Every structure is written in C-alpha cells, then in structure tokens.
N, C-alpha and C. Protein backbone atom coordinates (compact mmCIF):
# COMPACT_ATOMS: atom_id res chain seq x y z
N UNK A 1 104.29 99.66 122.97
CA UNK A 1 103.41 99.95 121.47
C UNK A 1 104.80 99.94 120.84
N UNK A 2 104.03 99.44 119.44
CA UNK A 2 105.49 99.42 118.12
C UNK A 2 104.68 100.83 117.44
N UNK A 3 106.51 101.28 117.44
CA UNK A 3 106.40 102.26 116.68
C UNK A 3 107.61 102.36 115.72
N UNK A 4 107.60 103.24 114.37
CA UNK A 4 108.05 103.18 113.40
C UNK A 4 109.03 103.75 113.43
N UNK A 5 108.83 105.03 113.90
CA UNK A 5 109.95 106.11 113.76
C UNK A 5 109.46 107.34 114.70
N UNK A 6 110.12 108.27 115.27
CA UNK A 6 109.85 109.14 116.49
C UNK A 6 111.19 110.04 115.66
N UNK A 7 110.66 111.14 114.83
CA UNK A 7 111.25 112.63 114.02
C UNK A 7 110.87 113.95 113.95
N UNK A 8 111.87 115.35 113.83
CA UNK A 8 111.33 115.97 114.28
C UNK A 8 111.38 116.53 112.66
N UNK A 9 110.66 117.41 112.18
CA UNK A 9 109.90 117.69 110.60
C UNK A 9 109.40 119.19 110.91
N UNK A 10 108.60 119.24 109.29
CA UNK A 10 107.86 120.41 109.01
C UNK A 10 105.95 119.25 108.55
N UNK A 11 105.17 119.92 108.69
CA UNK A 11 104.04 119.51 108.13
C UNK A 11 103.87 119.44 106.93
N UNK A 12 103.99 118.17 106.49
CA UNK A 12 103.67 118.33 104.43
C UNK A 12 102.15 118.51 103.77
N UNK A 13 101.25 118.39 105.17
CA UNK A 13 100.20 118.27 104.26
C UNK A 13 98.83 118.39 105.12
N UNK A 14 97.87 119.15 104.80
CA UNK A 14 96.93 119.61 105.22
C UNK A 14 96.76 121.23 106.16
N UNK A 15 95.63 120.99 106.91
CA UNK A 15 95.42 122.38 106.90
C UNK A 15 96.65 123.32 108.16
N UNK A 16 97.88 122.54 108.03
CA UNK A 16 99.01 123.08 108.83
C UNK A 16 99.95 122.67 108.24
N UNK A 17 99.96 122.57 107.14
CA UNK A 17 101.16 122.77 106.32
C UNK A 17 102.12 123.89 106.32
N UNK A 18 102.93 123.14 106.54
CA UNK A 18 104.27 124.38 106.93
C UNK A 18 104.79 124.40 108.64
N UNK A 19 104.03 123.74 109.75
CA UNK A 19 104.64 123.56 110.89
C UNK A 19 105.24 122.58 111.48
N UNK A 20 105.77 122.95 112.71
CA UNK A 20 107.04 122.70 113.21
C UNK A 20 106.73 121.19 113.80
N UNK A 21 106.63 119.98 114.01
CA UNK A 21 105.93 119.04 114.76
C UNK A 21 106.67 117.70 115.05
N UNK A 22 106.87 117.26 115.75
CA UNK A 22 107.14 115.53 116.22
C UNK A 22 106.01 115.03 115.89
N UNK A 23 106.86 113.77 114.75
CA UNK A 23 106.30 112.94 114.48
C UNK A 23 106.32 111.67 115.29
N UNK A 24 105.69 110.98 115.55
CA UNK A 24 105.25 109.62 116.05
C UNK A 24 104.67 108.55 115.17
N UNK A 25 105.49 107.82 114.68
CA UNK A 25 104.83 106.98 113.84
C UNK A 25 104.42 105.47 114.07
N UNK A 26 103.43 104.90 114.01
CA UNK A 26 103.01 103.88 115.10
C UNK A 26 103.00 102.44 113.51
N UNK A 27 103.78 101.44 114.43
CA UNK A 27 103.75 100.19 113.47
C UNK A 27 102.21 100.06 113.03
N UNK A 28 101.93 99.21 112.36
CA UNK A 28 100.62 98.18 111.85
C UNK A 28 99.99 99.01 111.08
N UNK A 29 98.68 98.72 110.15
CA UNK A 29 97.81 99.47 109.43
C UNK A 29 96.76 98.36 109.53
N UNK A 30 95.89 98.83 108.57
CA UNK A 30 94.43 97.77 108.08
C UNK A 30 94.51 97.36 106.85
N UNK A 31 94.32 95.92 106.16
CA UNK A 31 93.90 96.17 105.09
C UNK A 31 93.05 96.03 104.27
N UNK A 32 92.15 96.44 103.26
CA UNK A 32 93.65 96.46 102.00
C UNK A 32 94.34 97.94 102.23
N UNK A 33 95.29 97.09 102.18
CA UNK A 33 96.61 98.77 102.05
C UNK A 33 96.48 99.72 100.91
N UNK A 34 97.00 100.29 100.98
CA UNK A 34 96.82 101.90 99.91
C UNK A 34 97.70 100.70 98.70
N UNK A 35 97.38 101.11 97.88
CA UNK A 35 98.81 101.01 96.41
C UNK A 35 99.36 102.20 96.51
N UNK A 36 98.63 103.01 97.04
CA UNK A 36 99.78 104.16 96.33
C UNK A 36 100.45 104.88 97.56
N UNK A 37 100.39 104.28 98.74
CA UNK A 37 100.96 104.49 100.32
C UNK A 37 102.45 105.22 100.09
N UNK A 38 102.55 105.25 100.83
CA UNK A 38 104.14 106.48 101.22
C UNK A 38 105.27 105.90 102.33
N UNK A 39 104.64 105.10 102.64
CA UNK A 39 105.18 104.77 104.28
C UNK A 39 104.75 103.14 104.61
N UNK A 40 104.45 102.53 103.54
CA UNK A 40 104.54 100.79 103.42
C UNK A 40 105.67 100.33 104.55
N UNK A 41 107.11 100.91 104.65
CA UNK A 41 107.17 100.84 105.93
C UNK A 41 107.38 99.90 106.80
N UNK A 42 106.13 101.03 107.50
CA UNK A 42 105.31 100.92 108.49
C UNK A 42 104.76 99.94 108.79
N UNK A 43 104.38 98.89 108.12
CA UNK A 43 103.67 97.84 108.24
C UNK A 43 103.84 97.26 108.98
N UNK A 44 105.77 96.90 108.73
CA UNK A 44 106.14 95.56 109.58
C UNK A 44 107.44 95.88 109.87
N UNK A 45 108.10 97.05 110.48
CA UNK A 45 108.92 98.03 110.45
C UNK A 45 108.83 98.31 111.91
N UNK A 46 108.83 98.11 113.18
CA UNK A 46 108.45 98.57 114.25
C UNK A 46 109.61 98.14 115.13
N UNK A 47 109.33 99.01 116.17
CA UNK A 47 110.43 98.55 117.69
C UNK A 47 109.53 98.64 118.69
N UNK A 48 109.14 97.37 119.83
CA UNK A 48 108.15 97.60 120.71
C UNK A 48 109.02 98.24 121.94
N UNK A 49 108.11 100.17 122.15
CA UNK A 49 108.82 101.25 122.86
C UNK A 49 107.78 101.17 124.50
N UNK A 50 108.16 101.19 125.25
CA UNK A 50 107.65 101.89 126.83
C UNK A 50 107.30 103.26 126.44
N UNK A 51 105.92 103.44 126.73
CA UNK A 51 105.64 105.10 127.16
C UNK A 51 106.67 105.72 127.52
N UNK A 52 107.30 105.53 128.42
CA UNK A 52 108.15 106.46 128.72
C UNK A 52 109.41 106.62 127.87
N UNK A 53 110.05 105.86 127.56
CA UNK A 53 110.81 105.98 126.54
C UNK A 53 110.59 107.02 125.56
N UNK A 54 109.29 106.58 124.62
CA UNK A 54 108.40 107.45 123.42
C UNK A 54 108.83 109.02 123.72
N UNK A 55 108.49 109.46 125.46
CA UNK A 55 108.42 110.69 125.99
C UNK A 55 109.65 111.03 126.22
N UNK A 56 110.74 110.31 126.33
CA UNK A 56 111.95 110.78 126.45
C UNK A 56 112.51 111.50 125.29
N UNK A 57 111.96 110.99 123.61
CA UNK A 57 112.51 111.09 122.55
C UNK A 57 112.24 112.18 122.32
N UNK A 58 110.79 112.34 123.08
CA UNK A 58 109.71 113.59 122.00
C UNK A 58 110.29 115.01 122.99
N UNK A 59 110.40 114.66 124.31
CA UNK A 59 111.02 115.69 125.14
C UNK A 59 112.39 116.82 124.96
N UNK A 60 112.93 115.52 124.17
CA UNK A 60 114.20 115.93 123.33
C UNK A 60 114.53 117.55 122.85
N UNK A 61 113.35 117.83 121.75
CA UNK A 61 112.94 118.73 121.62
C UNK A 61 112.10 119.39 121.85
N UNK A 62 112.27 121.23 121.73
CA UNK A 62 110.93 121.78 122.05
C UNK A 62 109.99 122.30 121.53
N UNK A 63 109.65 121.64 120.06
CA UNK A 63 108.42 121.60 119.52
C UNK A 63 107.04 121.19 120.28
N UNK A 64 106.19 121.86 120.54
CA UNK A 64 105.35 121.96 121.53
C UNK A 64 104.31 120.75 120.89
N UNK A 65 104.30 120.87 118.73
CA UNK A 65 103.04 120.20 118.32
C UNK A 65 104.10 119.09 118.58
N UNK A 66 102.35 117.97 118.12
CA UNK A 66 102.97 115.81 118.12
C UNK A 66 101.78 115.63 116.87
N UNK A 67 102.39 115.27 115.66
CA UNK A 67 101.37 114.57 115.11
C UNK A 67 101.74 113.08 115.02
N UNK A 68 100.44 112.31 115.69
CA UNK A 68 100.94 110.58 115.70
C UNK A 68 100.31 109.85 114.58
N UNK A 69 100.62 109.18 113.60
CA UNK A 69 100.42 109.08 112.49
C UNK A 69 101.23 107.28 112.63
N UNK A 70 100.66 106.76 111.22
CA UNK A 70 101.00 105.57 111.34
C UNK A 70 101.39 104.59 109.79
N UNK A 71 100.83 104.21 108.58
CA UNK A 71 100.14 103.02 109.01
C UNK A 71 98.74 103.46 110.02
N UNK A 72 98.18 102.55 110.86
CA UNK A 72 96.76 103.38 111.66
C UNK A 72 97.10 103.15 113.01
N UNK A 73 97.25 104.46 113.62
CA UNK A 73 97.59 104.51 114.91
C UNK A 73 96.84 104.45 116.07
N UNK A 74 95.32 104.20 115.63
CA UNK A 74 93.99 103.83 116.20
C UNK A 74 94.16 101.94 116.83
N UNK A 75 94.59 101.41 115.95
CA UNK A 75 94.81 100.21 116.37
C UNK A 75 95.46 99.54 117.69
N UNK A 76 96.46 100.96 117.96
CA UNK A 76 97.38 100.99 119.08
C UNK A 76 96.93 101.55 120.38
N UNK A 77 95.36 101.71 120.66
CA UNK A 77 94.70 103.07 121.73
C UNK A 77 94.58 102.02 122.77
N UNK A 78 94.42 100.86 122.31
CA UNK A 78 94.18 99.95 123.94
C UNK A 78 95.40 99.01 124.10
N UNK A 79 96.11 99.36 123.54
CA UNK A 79 97.72 98.42 123.98
C UNK A 79 98.86 99.99 124.52
N UNK A 80 98.62 101.29 124.44
CA UNK A 80 99.33 101.70 125.09
C UNK A 80 99.14 103.32 124.71
N UNK A 81 98.58 103.80 123.34
CA UNK A 81 98.32 104.62 122.86
C UNK A 81 97.11 105.69 124.36
N UNK A 82 96.17 104.76 124.44
CA UNK A 82 95.51 105.69 125.33
C UNK A 82 96.29 106.37 126.84
N UNK A 83 97.51 105.73 127.08
CA UNK A 83 97.97 106.15 128.40
C UNK A 83 98.75 107.15 127.95
N UNK A 84 99.71 106.77 126.28
CA UNK A 84 100.68 107.65 126.18
C UNK A 84 100.20 108.85 125.67
N UNK A 85 98.39 109.19 125.10
CA UNK A 85 97.92 110.46 124.68
C UNK A 85 97.50 111.34 125.92
N UNK A 86 97.05 110.62 126.47
CA UNK A 86 97.08 111.45 128.56
C UNK A 86 98.24 112.01 128.87
N UNK A 87 99.21 111.44 128.95
CA UNK A 87 100.69 111.55 129.39
C UNK A 87 101.50 112.83 128.76
N UNK A 88 101.14 113.20 126.85
CA UNK A 88 101.54 114.06 126.56
C UNK A 88 100.30 115.11 126.90
N UNK A 89 99.26 114.97 126.86
CA UNK A 89 98.28 116.35 126.97
C UNK A 89 98.72 116.82 128.44
N UNK A 90 98.83 116.08 129.42
CA UNK A 90 99.46 116.51 131.07
C UNK A 90 100.67 117.20 130.39
N UNK A 91 101.36 117.40 130.36
CA UNK A 91 102.67 117.63 129.36
C UNK A 91 102.25 118.98 129.13
N UNK A 92 101.73 119.45 128.22
CA UNK A 92 100.68 120.55 127.51
C UNK A 92 101.28 119.78 125.88
N UNK A 93 101.32 119.28 125.16
CA UNK A 93 101.70 119.23 124.08
C UNK A 93 99.86 119.51 123.04
N UNK A 94 99.95 119.94 122.38
CA UNK A 94 99.35 120.24 121.16
C UNK A 94 99.43 118.38 120.49
N UNK A 95 97.88 117.52 120.18
CA UNK A 95 98.13 116.52 119.49
C UNK A 95 97.29 116.53 118.43
N UNK A 96 97.70 115.61 117.13
CA UNK A 96 97.74 116.05 116.33
C UNK A 96 97.02 114.62 115.05
N UNK A 97 96.18 113.71 115.51
CA UNK A 97 96.41 112.50 114.66
C UNK A 97 95.93 112.11 113.48
N UNK A 98 96.40 111.46 112.95
CA UNK A 98 96.19 111.18 111.51
C UNK A 98 95.44 109.86 111.36
N UNK A 99 94.70 109.48 110.74
CA UNK A 99 94.25 108.10 110.52
C UNK A 99 93.12 107.94 109.29
N UNK A 100 93.02 106.77 109.43
CA UNK A 100 92.29 106.15 107.96
C UNK A 100 90.86 106.23 107.95
N UNK A 101 90.98 105.80 109.18
CA UNK A 101 88.83 106.16 109.72
C UNK A 101 88.53 104.44 109.26
N UNK A 102 89.51 103.67 108.98
CA UNK A 102 89.16 102.41 108.90
C UNK A 102 88.96 102.06 110.43
N UNK A 103 88.94 102.13 111.98
CA UNK A 103 89.29 101.66 112.74
C UNK A 103 88.41 102.37 113.42
N UNK A 104 87.71 102.35 114.44
CA UNK A 104 87.14 103.39 115.24
C UNK A 104 87.53 103.90 115.98
N UNK A 105 87.58 105.53 115.97
CA UNK A 105 88.03 106.50 116.63
C UNK A 105 87.80 106.93 118.16
N UNK A 106 88.42 107.14 118.72
CA UNK A 106 88.09 108.04 120.82
C UNK A 106 87.11 109.12 119.93
N UNK A 107 86.50 109.49 121.44
CA UNK A 107 85.70 110.45 121.56
C UNK A 107 86.69 111.65 121.49
N UNK A 108 87.53 112.10 120.88
CA UNK A 108 88.66 113.25 121.71
C UNK A 108 88.70 114.63 121.75
N UNK A 109 88.42 115.11 123.06
CA UNK A 109 88.28 116.50 122.89
C UNK A 109 89.43 117.23 122.71
N UNK A 110 90.18 116.94 123.71
CA UNK A 110 91.88 117.44 123.38
C UNK A 110 92.58 116.82 122.22
N UNK A 111 92.14 116.88 121.18
CA UNK A 111 93.76 116.57 120.20
C UNK A 111 92.48 116.94 118.53
N UNK A 112 93.61 117.16 118.13
CA UNK A 112 92.65 116.75 116.22
C UNK A 112 92.82 115.51 115.66
N UNK A 113 91.52 115.15 114.97
CA UNK A 113 91.62 113.80 114.34
C UNK A 113 91.47 114.93 113.13
N UNK A 114 92.65 113.85 111.95
CA UNK A 114 93.03 114.48 110.54
C UNK A 114 92.93 113.07 109.72
N UNK A 115 91.69 113.26 108.89
CA UNK A 115 91.24 111.50 108.56
C UNK A 115 91.73 111.87 107.18
N UNK A 116 91.44 110.40 107.00
CA UNK A 116 92.23 110.40 105.20
C UNK A 116 91.90 109.35 104.62
N UNK A 117 90.06 108.85 104.50
CA UNK A 117 89.48 107.59 104.12
C UNK A 117 89.86 107.44 102.57
N UNK A 118 90.26 106.09 103.00
CA UNK A 118 90.77 105.36 101.41
C UNK A 118 90.02 104.57 100.27
N UNK A 119 89.81 104.67 99.30
CA UNK A 119 88.75 104.57 98.65
C UNK A 119 89.69 103.89 97.30
N UNK A 120 89.77 102.39 97.26
CA UNK A 120 90.46 101.05 96.93
C UNK A 120 89.65 100.33 96.00
N UNK A 121 89.91 100.25 94.95
CA UNK A 121 89.65 99.08 93.64
C UNK A 121 87.52 99.88 93.90
N UNK A 122 87.15 101.11 94.00
CA UNK A 122 85.87 101.30 93.50
C UNK A 122 85.15 100.91 95.14
N UNK A 123 85.90 101.05 96.44
CA UNK A 123 85.00 100.94 97.41
C UNK A 123 85.69 102.05 98.23
N UNK A 124 85.09 102.48 99.10
CA UNK A 124 85.54 103.30 100.41
C UNK A 124 85.51 102.07 101.72
N UNK A 125 86.64 102.48 102.31
CA UNK A 125 87.02 101.89 103.40
C UNK A 125 86.94 102.68 105.08
N UNK A 126 85.95 102.93 105.01
CA UNK A 126 85.87 104.03 106.76
C UNK A 126 84.51 103.60 107.14
N UNK A 127 85.20 103.54 108.74
CA UNK A 127 84.10 103.14 109.93
C UNK A 127 82.99 104.66 109.87
N UNK A 128 81.77 104.54 109.12
CA UNK A 128 80.99 105.74 109.53
C UNK A 128 80.52 106.27 110.86
N UNK A 129 80.86 105.29 112.31
CA UNK A 129 80.70 105.80 113.63
C UNK A 129 81.42 107.20 113.95
N UNK A 130 82.74 106.81 112.49
CA UNK A 130 83.39 107.72 113.33
C UNK A 130 83.29 109.20 112.79
N UNK A 131 82.00 109.52 111.81
CA UNK A 131 82.35 111.06 110.97
C UNK A 131 81.83 112.19 112.37
N UNK A 132 81.18 112.39 113.14
CA UNK A 132 81.24 112.90 114.60
C UNK A 132 82.59 113.51 114.95
N UNK A 133 83.43 112.20 114.78
CA UNK A 133 84.53 112.77 115.78
C UNK A 133 85.95 113.06 115.30
N UNK A 134 85.68 113.39 113.36
CA UNK A 134 86.92 113.64 112.52
C UNK A 134 86.54 115.43 112.58
N UNK A 135 87.87 116.10 113.06
CA UNK A 135 87.98 117.18 112.64
C UNK A 135 88.36 118.00 111.44
N UNK A 136 89.07 117.18 110.46
CA UNK A 136 89.68 117.46 109.04
C UNK A 136 89.30 116.31 108.39
N UNK A 137 88.93 116.31 106.93
CA UNK A 137 89.36 115.57 105.83
C UNK A 137 90.21 115.91 104.78
N UNK A 138 91.07 114.94 104.91
CA UNK A 138 91.95 114.74 104.02
C UNK A 138 91.43 113.55 102.67
N UNK A 139 91.86 113.93 101.56
CA UNK A 139 91.38 112.99 100.35
C UNK A 139 92.46 112.83 98.99
N UNK A 140 93.35 111.57 98.90
CA UNK A 140 94.17 111.66 98.14
C UNK A 140 93.78 111.86 96.53
N UNK A 141 93.50 112.06 95.86
CA UNK A 141 92.98 112.29 94.39
C UNK A 141 93.59 112.32 93.29
N UNK A 142 92.87 111.78 92.12
CA UNK A 142 93.39 111.76 90.90
C UNK A 142 92.50 111.90 90.07
N UNK A 143 92.29 112.40 88.57
CA UNK A 143 91.03 112.62 87.54
C UNK A 143 89.70 111.34 88.28
N UNK A 144 90.42 109.74 88.16
CA UNK A 144 89.33 109.09 88.45
C UNK A 144 88.77 108.54 89.31
N UNK A 145 88.76 109.49 90.89
CA UNK A 145 88.26 109.42 91.92
C UNK A 145 87.65 110.77 92.45
N UNK A 146 87.44 111.33 91.27
CA UNK A 146 86.82 112.82 91.35
C UNK A 146 85.17 112.88 92.51
N UNK A 147 84.26 112.46 91.52
CA UNK A 147 83.11 111.72 90.97
C UNK A 147 83.06 111.14 92.86
N UNK A 148 83.36 110.56 93.33
CA UNK A 148 83.54 109.37 93.70
C UNK A 148 84.16 109.92 95.46
N UNK A 149 84.81 111.32 94.94
CA UNK A 149 85.26 111.61 96.54
C UNK A 149 84.01 113.19 96.75
N UNK A 150 83.38 113.66 95.82
CA UNK A 150 82.44 114.12 95.85
C UNK A 150 81.12 114.40 96.71
N UNK A 151 81.08 112.52 95.85
CA UNK A 151 79.91 112.00 96.38
C UNK A 151 79.88 111.11 98.21
N UNK A 152 81.02 111.24 97.94
CA UNK A 152 81.39 111.29 99.97
C UNK A 152 81.05 112.12 100.88
N UNK A 153 82.03 113.07 100.15
CA UNK A 153 81.49 114.79 101.21
C UNK A 153 80.20 115.07 101.44
N UNK A 154 79.17 114.63 100.02
CA UNK A 154 78.06 115.59 100.04
C UNK A 154 77.37 114.38 100.85
N UNK A 155 77.65 112.82 100.97
CA UNK A 155 76.46 111.85 101.19
C UNK A 155 76.09 111.95 103.01
N UNK A 156 77.88 112.81 103.23
CA UNK A 156 77.59 112.25 104.80
C UNK A 156 78.08 113.93 104.73
N UNK A 157 77.39 115.03 104.44
CA UNK A 157 77.24 116.67 105.47
C UNK A 157 78.49 117.22 105.24
N UNK A 158 79.38 116.54 105.14
CA UNK A 158 81.06 117.52 105.39
C UNK A 158 81.04 118.44 105.01
N UNK A 159 81.18 119.81 105.49
CA UNK A 159 81.52 120.98 105.45
C UNK A 159 82.87 121.17 104.54
N UNK A 160 82.51 121.69 103.55
CA UNK A 160 83.64 122.52 102.62
C UNK A 160 84.94 122.92 103.34
N UNK A 161 84.47 123.59 103.93
CA UNK A 161 85.98 124.32 105.04
C UNK A 161 86.31 122.99 105.55
N UNK A 162 86.15 122.17 105.72
CA UNK A 162 86.64 121.41 106.63
C UNK A 162 87.31 119.76 105.67
N UNK A 163 87.84 120.61 104.23
CA UNK A 163 87.92 119.33 102.83
C UNK A 163 89.31 119.66 102.66
N UNK A 164 90.42 118.84 102.71
CA UNK A 164 91.82 119.35 101.92
C UNK A 164 91.49 118.06 100.37
N UNK A 165 92.97 118.58 99.38
CA UNK A 165 92.81 117.53 98.55
C UNK A 165 93.57 117.63 98.33
N UNK A 166 94.50 116.34 98.06
CA UNK A 166 95.93 116.21 97.48
C UNK A 166 96.28 115.25 96.65
N UNK A 167 96.97 115.84 96.04
CA UNK A 167 97.54 114.95 94.70
C UNK A 167 97.75 113.73 95.05
N UNK A 168 97.20 112.30 94.34
CA UNK A 168 97.78 110.86 94.31
C UNK A 168 99.25 110.84 94.19
N UNK A 169 99.82 109.79 94.84
CA UNK A 169 101.96 109.75 94.55
C UNK A 169 102.36 109.30 95.27
N UNK A 170 102.96 108.59 95.71
CA UNK A 170 104.11 108.17 96.71
C UNK A 170 105.41 108.90 96.31
N UNK A 171 105.35 109.58 94.76
CA UNK A 171 106.53 110.02 94.31
C UNK A 171 106.23 111.62 93.79
N UNK A 172 107.49 112.20 93.77
CA UNK A 172 107.78 112.92 93.70
C UNK A 172 106.56 113.60 92.04
N UNK A 173 107.46 112.58 90.59
CA UNK A 173 106.91 112.59 89.71
C UNK A 173 105.26 111.86 89.51
N UNK A 174 105.15 111.28 90.77
CA UNK A 174 103.57 111.03 90.60
C UNK A 174 102.70 112.14 90.85
N UNK A 175 103.10 112.60 91.52
CA UNK A 175 102.57 114.10 92.32
C UNK A 175 102.29 115.31 91.54
N UNK A 176 103.39 115.82 91.24
CA UNK A 176 103.31 116.81 90.14
C UNK A 176 102.24 116.42 89.06
N UNK A 177 102.59 114.86 88.34
CA UNK A 177 101.76 114.26 87.24
C UNK A 177 100.48 114.57 87.57
N UNK A 178 99.85 114.16 88.18
CA UNK A 178 98.39 114.52 89.04
C UNK A 178 98.17 116.21 89.87
N UNK A 179 98.73 117.12 89.54
CA UNK A 179 98.73 118.38 90.96
C UNK A 179 97.76 119.14 89.28
N UNK A 180 97.77 119.56 88.52
CA UNK A 180 97.10 120.48 87.54
C UNK A 180 95.70 120.07 87.73
N UNK A 181 95.49 118.89 87.80
CA UNK A 181 93.77 118.36 87.37
C UNK A 181 93.30 117.94 89.03
N UNK A 182 94.31 118.18 90.07
CA UNK A 182 93.54 118.38 91.56
C UNK A 182 93.16 119.70 91.43
N UNK A 183 93.65 120.56 90.88
CA UNK A 183 94.09 122.25 91.46
C UNK A 183 92.62 122.57 90.23
N UNK A 184 92.41 122.13 89.65
CA UNK A 184 90.96 122.38 88.49
C UNK A 184 90.25 122.24 89.22
N UNK A 185 90.13 120.55 90.06
CA UNK A 185 88.90 119.84 91.21
C UNK A 185 88.84 120.54 91.92
N UNK A 186 89.55 121.37 92.55
CA UNK A 186 88.91 122.04 94.34
C UNK A 186 88.77 123.52 93.32
N UNK A 187 89.17 124.09 92.60
CA UNK A 187 88.90 125.16 91.89
C UNK A 187 87.01 125.19 91.83
N UNK A 188 86.97 124.39 90.96
CA UNK A 188 85.37 124.22 90.34
C UNK A 188 85.16 123.68 91.70
N UNK A 189 84.48 123.06 92.53
CA UNK A 189 84.40 122.56 93.97
C UNK A 189 84.40 123.46 95.15
N UNK A 190 85.20 124.08 95.06
CA UNK A 190 85.41 124.36 96.10
C UNK A 190 85.66 124.40 97.25
N UNK A 191 86.54 122.81 96.97
CA UNK A 191 87.56 122.73 97.92
C UNK A 191 89.03 123.28 98.45
N UNK A 192 89.26 122.84 99.23
CA UNK A 192 90.86 123.52 99.44
C UNK A 192 91.88 122.16 98.84
N UNK A 193 92.43 122.76 98.28
CA UNK A 193 94.25 122.50 98.04
C UNK A 193 95.10 122.09 99.01
N UNK A 194 95.68 120.68 98.93
CA UNK A 194 97.27 121.24 99.81
C UNK A 194 98.22 120.14 99.42
N UNK A 195 99.61 120.68 99.30
CA UNK A 195 100.53 119.75 98.66
C UNK A 195 101.32 118.89 99.56
N UNK A 196 101.62 118.35 99.03
CA UNK A 196 102.38 116.95 99.80
C UNK A 196 104.19 117.26 99.35
N UNK A 197 104.72 118.44 101.26
CA UNK A 197 105.48 119.18 100.80
C UNK A 197 106.75 118.02 100.70
N UNK A 198 106.50 116.88 101.93
CA UNK A 198 107.73 116.12 101.96
C UNK A 198 108.14 114.78 100.71
N UNK A 199 107.15 115.00 100.48
CA UNK A 199 107.17 113.67 98.52
C UNK A 199 108.00 115.25 97.57
N UNK A 200 107.25 116.65 97.26
CA UNK A 200 107.72 116.87 96.79
C UNK A 200 109.07 117.84 96.89
N UNK A 201 109.65 117.64 98.08
CA UNK A 201 110.79 118.14 98.15
C UNK A 201 112.04 116.91 98.30
N UNK A 202 111.50 115.50 98.74
CA UNK A 202 112.83 114.72 99.67
C UNK A 202 112.01 113.13 98.88
N UNK A 203 111.00 113.68 97.43
CA UNK A 203 110.53 112.09 96.97
C UNK A 203 110.32 111.43 98.03
N UNK A 204 111.22 109.94 98.25
CA UNK A 204 110.41 108.86 98.55
C UNK A 204 111.37 108.45 100.01
N UNK A 205 112.12 109.27 100.02
CA UNK A 205 112.93 109.96 101.59
C UNK A 205 112.57 109.13 102.80
N UNK A 206 112.64 108.74 103.71
CA UNK A 206 111.78 108.38 105.07
C UNK A 206 112.42 109.36 106.05
N UNK A 207 111.55 110.00 106.93
CA UNK A 207 112.55 110.73 108.52
C UNK A 207 112.26 111.99 108.57
N UNK A 208 111.32 112.65 107.06
CA UNK A 208 112.19 114.23 106.52
C UNK A 208 110.11 114.56 106.41
C-alpha cells in the first residue's frame, strides 16, 4: 500500500475532536484537488508498505482508535486497504475513515465513515451512491459556500445531527479569519461547528 505517514495524535476535527488516535495517511488523491488542502504532500509523497509492516507500526502504540485518511484512502481499497481493514478489525481496533466521497465507498458495518464533500469552483465533486454508506458529513466552509452547503444537505435529506461545519483554511490565520462567520452560520442553521485543532495549534506542521 502507498503510505504517506503513520503517527499518533489527537483527532483535530469532527465528532471525536480531542480523541487520541493513530493516523494512517494513505498517498494519492482524486482531481480536482482542493485549493485549500492542508495535506497536499500526501498526493505524491509515499512509501510502498506491506500490510504486516503497517500493523507493526500501529501496534507500537496502545491506542485502540485508528483514523485512516489521505489523500483519498478508498483509492486503495482493492490494492491492500480491504486486507488491512479486516486485519485491524480482527485485532480489535475501532476504525474511522475520512473520505472525500469522490470515489465509491465500501459498505462497511464495522467502521465509521466520515465524509467531507468537496465544493470546488461552483461544483460538488461527490459520488451520490455513497449517501447511504456515510455516517457523518463534515464541510469546510466560508461565507461564499454557506448557501451551497445548505442546499446540498437539504437536497440529500441529511439529518442535521450528522453534519459538522468547520472553517476553511490550511493555515491558522485562514482558520481564525473564517471562524466567526462559520460560528454564526451554524447557530442560525442548527448545524454543529467543529474546530480544526491541529491547524489552530500547530499551523502547517505535519504529523501532529
């Protein structure tokens, strides 16, 4: 499998913000790429690792929670991720996937699927066949995208309890700039707001 990095940290965003977790970041993504992406290095920086070597690194920590992210992790479902998934589940780990939803998502009952649909240049890049497979939706937002996000949620009949809104920005300065408007948007619409702790605390530092 193409692995960008494996590290232990705290979940920085979404429903489990602050939860200790082991992060497995897979390499590769799907165009168009997000202009605001804070993990662009995952697109072309990776090492080809065997499933056994990945598990060896994971087991060096006593943490039971694993976040599998990217890039776009499900690009590698047929080339090793399915095998890794089964082995980690059998070992008793709690798995959470972070996906853009641009590619088909497997129907997984033994993991939590968190999707962050991408709105780029006035278009949603999202495979709608994934709707029934996703547990939580996270949207990166700024004032210019509020209406599009609300329309997406309404048209796809997504319950507000499954929606988390976070301010757009790959740097601390950009995050802070957009936080007030996102706060007011969530308050007005009844959505949950999530910070992005890793950006607010470490700015652009990797592996945190």
